[in-house]
Structures are given as C-alpha cells and as structure tokens.
Amino acid sequence: MTLTTYGNLCTEVYEITKPIGGEYPDVPYFVQHLSQIGGRILEGMVGTGRLLIPLLEAGLNVEGIDTSPNMLAACKRNCATRDLNPVLYQGSIENLDIPGKFSAVVVTLGSFMLLGNRTAAIAALQAFARHLEPNGRIFIDLGLPVGSFNTENIVKQREPIQCLDDSVIVMQTSSWIDWIKQIEHMLIRYEKWKDGKLIDTELQHLPLHWFGREEFMMCLREHGYVDITLCANYTDGLEPTSHHDQLCFSATLA
C-alpha cells in the first residue's frame, strides 16, 4: 500500500493548521544541518512547502516530491507568492526515480510513517541510497503513536476549523491497530459546512507504520547507512526519554 493521496479538504486543513511561516522546531534544525552540507537537497513528502520554503529562503538548493497533486498545487502557490520557483516532482519516495544525485534527503514531521508498511519503508531507504551522492546524508524523524493505543475504535470529534471563506470544516477520526505489522490505520472524515449546508465531504485512510528506536537503526544499517545519529525533538545531543518524543534520525550512505 502506498501513501494515501491528500484531497482538497485535507490540504485545506493542513494549510490552516500548519501555515507557512509558523514556528516549527524542525525548521531551524534543518536550516542549520543542511547549510553545513550544501549541494542539491531533496525533501520527500514536501506537502504545502511548510519546510521547503524556509529552506529555500535560507539559500539552500532544495527540490521537493509528493504524491498528492493537491499538496503540490498548494506548494506551488505558496512558493509563487514568495517569488520562489523550486523544482517539484509528483511521485512516491518508495518508487523514487528522478534525475541526478543529491547530497541530502529529508523527510520530516513523521511523514515517513505514512508509507504505511515495512516493505514501502525499506523500498524508500533503498531508493534514497540510489539517489544519494557518495557520503550523502538522510534525515528521517519518526514518532510512536502510543496515544492512539488507548483510543482504538473510538470515534473522536476534532475542534471545528474556521476557513477563509467563512465555512467550517469538522473532522471525525477513528483508528484500528494491526499490532503484528505495527500499523495504525486512521480513518478521517472531513465535512465542510457553510450557512448551515454541507458543501463538501471527504474520507481519508491513513496507515501509520511505526518503528522502535533500535529497530529503525538496524534497518538503516542493513541498507547501507552508517554514522547513524539520533536526537529527540530536533535538539542535537538530547536523548529520547519518552514515547512522546520525536525521534530524529540521520545517517550517511556508506
């Protein structure tokens, strides 16, 4: 199973809840690390440009790829309003096949988990290796969906989201877990209402595949990566101590 495509309502929610120019811990982290590497950089699962744009504005040579035409269209709009014109590709990172080599590949905010299963995750690591220059580096961060373990099969209503056109998007989420394959299956229902009328609806299935800390390090080593480092929450030198921590991995292609 490949990454679920993000539709119109999902993209709209993402733009509202994760606006370009907001304060995010991964932005200064990647500006610092990628500035030291330089060269051609690829952001996998680029989305609306939330990370891509500040990296470009920092003078980095960054390109992006995403499976969702809606996300890419939003990314292009957001770049155009800032007079940026990056190279963007539509495609999946597990089947990555684009010209040239990169000095670094980045997948942030746990998006790598959206590949949905072990086979796709390993295929992506192998694809990155094919597209990296010698000693090229990858940056992948992961989370542990422990919070969902206690709410499996419970329908949750999220806070309504006010849109720019005075409409409101309401969301319901539920999940079920495949414990053997380490996959949380999220089902999200979006409804857009305006003047008391339902004007749009969308149903999205998101499989989230999680790794344990040592498990992911082993996968990296098995597929040709060395000099593996790990920190918590985009803070160099900070050891992960809680299941709430974002696990920020980086590794070099051997």
Protein backbone atom coordinates (compact mmCIF):
# COMPACT_ATOMS: atom_id res chain seq x y z
CA MET A 1 0.00 0.00 0.00
CA THR A 2 1.38 3.42 -0.95
CA LEU A 3 0.87 6.80 0.67
CA THR A 4 -2.76 7.89 0.70
CA THR A 5 -3.27 10.92 -1.53
CA TYR A 6 -4.30 14.07 0.29
CA GLY A 7 -7.54 15.52 -1.07
CA ASN A 8 -8.86 19.10 -1.24
CA LEU A 9 -10.25 19.27 2.30
CA CYS A 10 -7.24 17.59 3.87
CA THR A 11 -4.94 20.04 2.08
CA GLU A 12 -7.06 22.99 3.20
CA VAL A 13 -6.93 21.80 6.82
CA TYR A 14 -3.16 21.34 6.57
CA GLU A 15 -2.68 24.87 5.24
CA ILE A 16 -4.77 26.36 8.06
CA THR A 17 -3.34 24.32 10.91
CA LYS A 18 0.29 24.28 9.68
CA PRO A 19 0.70 27.65 7.94
CA ILE A 20 3.82 28.69 6.07
CA GLY A 21 5.99 30.87 8.30
CA GLY A 22 4.78 29.39 11.58
CA GLU A 23 7.18 28.47 14.35
CA TYR A 24 8.20 24.83 13.98
CA PRO A 25 11.10 23.10 15.73
CA ASP A 26 12.24 21.27 12.61
CA VAL A 27 12.84 24.44 10.57
CA PRO A 28 15.91 25.85 12.41
CA TYR A 29 17.20 22.30 12.90
CA PHE A 30 17.23 21.58 9.17
CA VAL A 31 18.42 25.05 8.17
CA GLN A 32 21.44 24.51 10.42
CA HIS A 33 22.25 20.95 9.35
CA LEU A 34 21.57 21.31 5.64
CA SER A 35 23.50 24.58 5.40
CA GLN A 36 26.55 22.64 6.56
CA ILE A 37 26.01 20.01 3.86
CA GLY A 38 25.11 22.25 0.93
CA GLY A 39 24.65 20.80 -2.53
CA ARG A 40 21.41 19.54 -4.03
CA ILE A 41 18.81 18.54 -1.42
CA LEU A 42 15.53 16.64 -1.77
CA GLU A 43 12.59 16.98 0.59
CA GLY A 44 10.43 13.90 0.40
CA MET A 45 6.70 14.30 1.09
CA VAL A 46 7.06 18.05 0.67
CA GLY A 47 3.37 18.85 1.27
CA THR A 48 2.43 22.52 1.03
CA GLY A 49 6.00 23.77 1.38
CA ARG A 50 5.96 24.33 5.14
CA LEU A 51 9.63 23.29 5.44
CA LEU A 52 10.69 23.71 1.81
CA ILE A 53 10.03 27.46 1.71
CA PRO A 54 12.17 28.48 4.72
CA LEU A 55 14.95 26.23 3.41
CA LEU A 56 14.80 27.98 0.03
CA GLU A 57 14.71 31.37 1.73
CA ALA A 58 17.86 30.34 3.62
CA GLY A 59 19.58 29.97 0.24
CA LEU A 60 19.57 26.17 0.05
CA ASN A 61 19.19 24.28 -3.23
CA VAL A 62 16.11 22.23 -2.31
CA GLU A 63 13.72 20.28 -4.53
CA GLY A 64 10.53 18.54 -3.42
CA ILE A 65 8.42 15.49 -4.19
CA ASP A 66 4.92 14.48 -3.11
CA THR A 67 2.28 12.01 -4.28
CA SER A 68 -0.62 14.45 -3.84
CA PRO A 69 -1.44 16.83 -6.72
CA ASN A 70 -3.45 18.92 -4.25
CA MET A 71 -0.48 19.34 -1.92
CA LEU A 72 1.85 20.13 -4.82
CA ALA A 73 -0.56 22.73 -6.20
CA ALA A 74 -0.67 24.40 -2.77
CA CYS A 75 3.12 24.25 -2.57
CA LYS A 76 3.49 25.92 -5.97
CA ARG A 77 1.05 28.68 -4.96
CA ASN A 78 2.84 29.28 -1.68
CA CYS A 79 6.20 29.43 -3.46
CA ALA A 80 4.92 31.74 -6.19
CA THR A 81 3.65 34.31 -3.66
CA ARG A 82 7.23 34.48 -2.36
CA ASP A 83 8.85 34.63 -5.81
CA LEU A 84 10.26 31.13 -5.40
CA ASN A 85 10.26 28.60 -8.23
CA PRO A 86 11.66 25.29 -6.94
CA VAL A 87 11.83 22.03 -8.86
CA LEU A 88 8.89 19.88 -7.73
CA TYR A 89 8.03 16.31 -8.67
CA GLN A 90 4.84 14.28 -8.33
CA GLY A 91 5.64 10.76 -7.21
CA SER A 92 6.25 8.46 -4.28
CA ILE A 93 9.54 8.21 -2.42
CA GLU A 94 9.48 4.41 -2.31
CA ASN A 95 9.50 4.45 -6.13
CA LEU A 96 11.83 7.44 -6.39
CA ASP A 97 13.17 7.83 -9.92
CA ILE A 98 14.29 11.37 -10.71
CA PRO A 99 17.39 12.68 -12.48
CA GLY A 100 20.72 13.20 -10.76
CA LYS A 101 22.07 12.72 -7.28
CA PHE A 102 21.50 14.58 -4.01
CA SER A 103 23.76 15.44 -1.11
CA ALA A 104 20.88 15.00 1.35
CA VAL A 105 17.32 13.72 1.57
CA VAL A 106 14.88 14.91 4.25
CA VAL A 107 11.52 13.53 5.38
CA THR A 108 10.20 15.47 8.36
CA LEU A 109 7.37 15.54 10.93
CA GLY A 110 6.93 11.78 10.93
CA SER A 111 5.73 11.72 7.32
CA PHE A 112 7.90 8.66 6.65
CA MET A 113 5.40 6.67 8.75
CA LEU A 114 2.73 7.41 6.13
CA LEU A 115 4.36 4.95 3.76
CA GLY A 116 2.19 2.55 5.68
CA ASN A 117 4.18 -0.69 5.91
CA ARG A 118 7.65 -2.16 6.28
CA THR A 119 8.03 -3.05 2.59
CA ALA A 120 7.41 0.52 1.46
CA ALA A 121 9.69 1.96 4.15
CA ILE A 122 12.58 -0.27 3.12
CA ALA A 123 11.94 0.50 -0.56
CA ALA A 124 12.23 4.21 0.27
CA LEU A 125 15.55 3.72 2.11
CA GLN A 126 16.86 1.81 -0.90
CA ALA A 127 15.59 4.49 -3.30
CA PHE A 128 17.29 7.20 -1.26
CA ALA A 129 20.56 5.27 -1.45
CA ARG A 130 20.30 5.13 -5.25
CA HIS A 131 19.79 8.90 -5.40
CA LEU A 132 22.45 9.99 -2.92
CA GLU A 133 25.95 11.11 -3.76
CA PRO A 134 28.80 9.28 -2.01
CA ASN A 135 28.62 10.15 1.69
CA GLY A 136 25.20 11.68 1.13
CA ARG A 137 23.04 12.03 4.23
CA ILE A 138 19.43 11.25 5.08
CA PHE A 139 17.29 12.84 7.79
CA ILE A 140 14.15 10.99 8.87
CA ASP A 141 12.14 11.56 12.02
CA LEU A 142 9.59 9.15 13.46
CA GLY A 143 7.03 9.08 16.23
CA LEU A 144 5.36 6.44 18.33
CA PRO A 145 1.53 6.56 18.11
CA VAL A 146 1.15 5.49 21.74
CA GLY A 147 -1.66 7.96 22.36
CA SER A 148 -3.84 6.06 19.90
CA PHE A 149 -3.26 2.73 21.62
CA ASN A 150 -5.81 3.63 24.31
CA THR A 151 -8.40 5.08 21.93
CA GLU A 152 -8.61 2.34 19.31
CA ASN A 153 -12.06 2.05 17.70
CA ILE A 154 -13.27 5.23 19.42
CA VAL A 155 -14.66 7.97 17.18
CA LYS A 156 -13.14 11.34 18.11
CA GLN A 157 -14.52 14.71 17.11
CA ARG A 158 -11.88 17.34 16.49
CA GLU A 159 -12.27 21.06 17.09
CA PRO A 160 -14.01 22.73 14.10
CA ILE A 161 -11.65 24.59 11.75
CA GLN A 162 -12.65 28.03 10.51
CA CYS A 163 -11.86 28.56 6.82
CA LEU A 164 -11.06 31.78 4.98
CA ASP A 165 -14.36 31.66 3.03
CA ASP A 166 -16.37 31.68 6.32
CA SER A 167 -17.08 27.97 6.02
CA VAL A 168 -16.20 25.45 8.73
CA ILE A 169 -14.54 22.06 8.39
CA VAL A 170 -15.43 19.46 11.01
CA MET A 171 -13.43 16.26 11.34
CA GLN A 172 -14.07 12.87 12.89
CA THR A 173 -11.24 10.40 13.37
CA SER A 174 -11.09 6.77 14.39
CA SER A 175 -8.36 4.16 14.25
CA TRP A 176 -7.69 0.46 14.47
CA ILE A 177 -4.33 -1.17 15.03
CA ASP A 178 -2.58 -4.11 13.43
CA TRP A 179 -0.27 -4.99 16.32
CA ILE A 180 1.64 -7.66 14.44
CA LYS A 181 2.53 -5.45 11.45
CA GLN A 182 2.92 -2.30 13.62
CA ILE A 183 0.40 -0.26 11.65
CA GLU A 184 -2.18 2.16 12.98
CA HIS A 185 -4.98 2.62 10.45
CA MET A 186 -6.57 6.07 10.78
CA LEU A 187 -9.87 6.92 9.15
CA ILE A 188 -10.65 10.63 8.88
CA ARG A 189 -13.95 12.07 7.75
CA TYR A 190 -13.97 15.72 6.68
CA GLU A 191 -17.17 17.74 6.29
CA LYS A 192 -17.24 21.33 5.08
CA TRP A 193 -20.26 23.39 6.13
CA LYS A 194 -21.37 26.89 5.13
CA ASP A 195 -24.59 28.71 6.04
CA GLY A 196 -25.94 25.53 7.61
CA LYS A 197 -25.38 23.43 4.47
CA LEU A 198 -22.95 20.61 3.82
CA ILE A 199 -20.97 21.69 0.74
CA ASP A 200 -18.20 19.09 0.59
CA THR A 201 -17.07 15.88 2.26
CA GLU A 202 -14.02 13.66 2.11
CA LEU A 203 -12.95 10.33 3.56
CA GLN A 204 -9.27 9.58 4.09
CA HIS A 205 -7.46 6.42 5.14
CA LEU A 206 -4.00 6.96 6.64
CA PRO A 207 -1.91 3.93 7.57
CA LEU A 208 0.86 4.86 10.02
CA HIS A 209 3.67 2.34 10.32
CA TRP A 210 5.85 2.71 13.39
CA PHE A 211 9.36 1.52 14.20
CA GLY A 212 11.10 1.04 17.51
CA ARG A 213 14.30 3.00 18.05
CA GLU A 214 16.75 0.10 17.70
CA GLU A 215 14.63 -1.49 15.01
CA PHE A 216 14.95 1.52 12.71
CA MET A 217 18.68 1.80 13.34
CA MET A 218 19.01 -1.84 12.32
CA CYS A 219 17.06 -1.16 9.10
CA LEU A 220 19.38 1.74 8.29
CA ARG A 221 22.49 -0.38 8.84
CA GLU A 222 21.10 -3.27 6.79
CA HIS A 223 20.51 -0.98 3.82
CA GLY A 224 23.89 0.67 3.61
CA TYR A 225 23.80 3.55 6.07
CA VAL A 226 26.46 4.35 8.66
CA ASP A 227 27.28 7.15 11.14
CA ILE A 228 23.72 6.94 12.48
CA THR A 229 22.77 9.62 14.98
CA LEU A 230 19.60 10.10 16.97
CA CYS A 231 18.28 13.04 18.96
CA ALA A 232 14.91 13.98 20.38
CA ASN A 233 12.64 16.78 19.23
CA TYR A 234 15.10 18.37 16.78
CA THR A 235 17.56 19.15 19.56
CA ASP A 236 21.11 17.95 18.97
CA GLY A 237 22.51 15.97 21.88
CA LEU A 238 19.12 15.46 23.52
CA GLU A 239 18.46 11.76 24.16
CA PRO A 240 14.90 10.48 23.68
CA THR A 241 13.41 9.64 27.08
CA SER A 242 9.66 9.45 26.41
CA HIS A 243 7.26 7.91 23.90
CA HIS A 244 6.08 11.49 23.30
CA ASP A 245 9.46 12.44 21.83
CA GLN A 246 10.01 12.86 18.11
CA LEU A 247 12.86 10.52 17.15
CA CYS A 248 15.16 12.42 14.77
CA PHE A 249 17.49 10.09 12.87
CA SER A 250 20.26 10.99 10.48
CA ALA A 251 22.67 8.67 8.68
CA THR A 252 25.32 8.69 5.95
CA LEU A 253 25.35 6.48 2.87
CA ALA A 254 28.30 4.10 3.20
